[in-house]
Amino acid sequence: MEDNKEFLGTEPVGKLLFRLSIPTVVAQLVNMLYNIVDRIYIGHMPGDGSLALTGVGVCMPLIMLVSAFAALVSSGGAPRASIFMGKKDCPSAEKTMGNCFSLQVCISAVLTAVLLLWNKPLLLAFGASENTIGYAADYMGIYAMGTLFVQLTLGMNFFITAQGFTRISMLSVLIGAVVNIALDPVFIFGLHMGVRGAALATIISQALSCTWVIYFLCSKRTRLRLRKENLGMQAGVILPCIALGAAAFIMQASESVISVCFNASLLRYGGDIAVGAMTIMVSVMQFAMLPMQGIAQGAQPILSYNFGARNAARVKKTFRLLLGACLTYSFTLWLAVMICPSFFVGIFTPDEALIRYASPMLRIYLGGMCIFGIQIACQMTFTSLGKAVNSIIVAVFRKFVLLLPLIYVMPHLIADKTMGVYMAEPVADVIAVTFTAVLFTFQFKKAIKEISLPVNA
């Protein structure tokens, strides 16, 4: 069906969303394995597994930052490419993709230098303690060498998905994940490399995924090809992509800032065990978020293409289906966590003390997850329709207006200060979802009216 160049605008929406979302959900779940599998193996290292897990957890803000820069460029560039395709303007779509590729290479070079030069100072600022800095520095020192592979794999895979080739984008992720899972035990335990082995396995697997992604985008199988003549960066092409991708960047980069704040507060009130519990909670949160993001990414090319083609009925139907799917998933996972939190915590550590500590806190931390599908569906739709300002508003409101201050305010309102830190997340989520739903209701109607008018109106 992908050989039909108009399938995004002609195939029944429900069938199309299902077909595109399944591979993107699988890809998101598999992509999560890169870091999750590392943490599972590291957490089960004999002797110092819990400290090593906490050390790697401190690296997560930096890893999120690398991913955020990939999102800054491509989560804005890919929807714009889809909109150009809907307008039957493939040359502009290819120019957008080529410019985004070059910008990601430049950003990768800068990030690699920064991560190698200021490894330990950054990790100490992000919550590492004297007990965990050694593990964190060992992991990050090797991981930084693969920044280019991470950037291009994550970033350019957006453009494969944007064309509707979701099975190919899933394969891109699957290649790396399978290699990562196979190499982890060999390097960590077989070669006794510990956390350095986990990092090495990750960058090797990302390098293989990166090779596959670039090969596909240069081949004749893709609708949009990566061409030399489009690699020269132009401000008129790059700046709109960055503006649209700013919301995704804020969402992911702010996770870095938020993690620093969480880790610093938890280290102050609860010590290393509280930071270790936070590492597990973030992992479970990723488990919750990534499938929803996969569903949303499956909907993105349909929304963007049909918005560009001015097909209001298909845009509205796609959003309704996306909202229903995301909300169903978020509620189901929330229910599972409320019923059996120790199951999710036990995946990441055999330490009974850590399981006892983290399980009740996980219920609190994910307390607002039941309605979070609304946030994901609305924010992806804003981005898919090219509504950069709205996307930025909802991202900034949740993270900086709500969550960041609440991390410091809630411990003063709750007797158990550590619990107060964890409570910041659900309080921020409930308020943010309400705000986003109200804003989206008005702005979506406005966007639909815009494409329902005659072209010359």
Foldseek 3Di string as FASTA:
>chain_A
DLVPQCCLPPPPLVVLLVVLLVLLLLLLVLLLLLVQVLLQVQQPPPDCSLLLSLLQLLCVLLVLLLLLVLLLQQLLLLLVLLLCVLLVNQVLNLLLLLQSLLVLQVVLVVSLVCCQVCVQVSSVLLQDDPSRSVSNSLLSNLLSVLSSLSSQLSNLLLNCLLSVNSNLNSVLSVQLSVQLNVQQCCQVPVVVNRSNSSNNSNSVSSNSSNVSSLVVQCDPVDPHHNDPVSNDHDCVSRVLSSLLSVLSSLLRSLVSVLSSLLSVQCCVQPNSLLSSLVSLLVSVVSVQPSSLLSSLSSLLSSLSSCLSNLPLVSNVVSLVVSLVVLLVSQQVSLVVLVVCVLVSSCSSHPDPVSSVVNSVLSNLLSVQSNRLSLVSSLLSSCSSNSVSVLSNVLSCCLRPVQLVVQLVVQLVVDPSSSSSNSNSNNVSRVVSSVVSVVVSVVVVVVSSVVSVDPPVD
